[in-house]
Amino acid sequence: MQNNNSPFDLSLNLNVRGMPLSATLHINELSNKLKQQGKKVYKFGLGQSPFPVPKPVVEELRANAFQKDYLEVKGLRPLREAVADYHSRRNDIQRSADHVLIGPGSKELMFLLQFVYYGELVIPTPSWVSYAPQAKIIGRQIAWIKTKEINKWRLLPEELKKICTNDHYKPRIVILNYPSNPTGVTYTCEELQELAEVARGHRVILLSDEIYGELNFNGNHCSIARFYPEGTIISGGISKWCGAGGWRLGTFSFPDSLSGLLNGMASVASETFTSTSTPIQYAAIKAFSGGIEIERYLWNTRRILNALGTQIYKLLTDAGIDTPEPEGAFYLFINFSNYADKLKAKNIFTSLDLTTSLLENTGVALLPGSVFGRPEEEFTARLSYVDFDGARALAAAETTRPEDSLPEEFITTYCSHMLEGINALVGWVKAL
């Protein structure tokens, strides 16, 4: 493809030609641009933790800032031991440090997995925005499973079985993300056990994306690896529950039966990113090792997100905007279909039309459902409820009794910008 502004022949790989910037990053950059122009913007698009990194983890980074040596490609041995021990403590899953891979964010590790494993990628929709583009870049086939709102957008065993039945032993990676980005719902242990039985019967590899596991509001996250250990790779990191998205550190934990995949990924990593930032790996040991300060931090961040998510859920559903009640993470996947006729009367026919009009008229920045794998004509969107001062809210939550739920007054005081944006959204819809 020739760029008219360049004297060079800038021919691009067909797999990336015309590919836009990641939708989450694009909406964040657009929101910042509008704010710089002096416009009021409610940044409900980018899913970045509002909370500061826990103090013990920051102190560990500070103490290891001098560390400058390249580390093993697979990651710092004490960190890999801490990650393996973390899975044992949290979910009674036995993984060896030898089978843990550290990377510069779980997104990079997911890309390497698809690059190394030659198979079809199975994605339930709605799904996180980067799974499918990564497969497209590499040239892998994608099979979508369209989940249903009546099932809270969760993957059912019969839906997984149906897509695997035509070609029983076709090489496949099935991605399961819970608590979910973009829906905020999760699975019970019983539901995961049923999915695991189907996965085992069809010999699929499960990529269990548990990056939001510690943000399960009840603090009782259950991993599907408990029920299908031999075929499950657990993806995690410190970006969401530890507030360290910009630190870029992700983890993959493999069973012994998939060590060949781990070794293949490590080989490619050695020729690409070499190793993950050394000081950050040392700091991450503290994060995965836990302790009372980490537990208190998690307890209070869950309380805040639970109270805020529940209050927004009530405001939206009272206005006739459908969404499942959130169970974890910091997302709501909202459906405006009750207003479909009124939207169409305003020449709004797609989820992109909807979110564009919302941003222009109210300053509310959402992501359209179409970027999460949903049909363009479906009036769905993702709302990320993180546009508030997390440090201030966290400090206030720590002064309350830990056994109490946070009252609505707490959210009104410390998350007022979020509520203002939700009221602007609701007011716009009702005025259609």
Foldseek 3Di string as FASTA:
>chain_A
DDDPVDPDRPDDDPLCVPPDDQQLVVLVVVLVVVVVVVDDADNQRHQFALAAFFPLLVVLLVVCVVDDDFDALQADLLLLQLQQVLCCVQAVFHFDSLQKGKDQALLVVLLLLPLQDQFEEEEEPLARLVNVSSCSNNVHHYHYQDADVVVQSADALVSVLVVCPVPQAGAYEYEDEPPGVAAQHGDDLVRLLSNLVSCVRSVYAYEYECQFQLFQLVRRRYDSCVNNVQRYKYKYFCRFLRSPVVLRMIMITHDPNCVVSVVSSSVVSCVPVNHGDDSSSSSVSDQSNDDDSSVLSSLLVSLVLLLVQQVLQVLCVVLVWDWDRHRGRFKTKTFPVVLLVVCVVVVQFFLVSVQVVCCVPQSYHWAGSVSSVDDGRTNITMTGQNSWNNHVLSVVSVVDDSVDRDDPVSCCVGVVSSVSSSVSVSVVSVVD
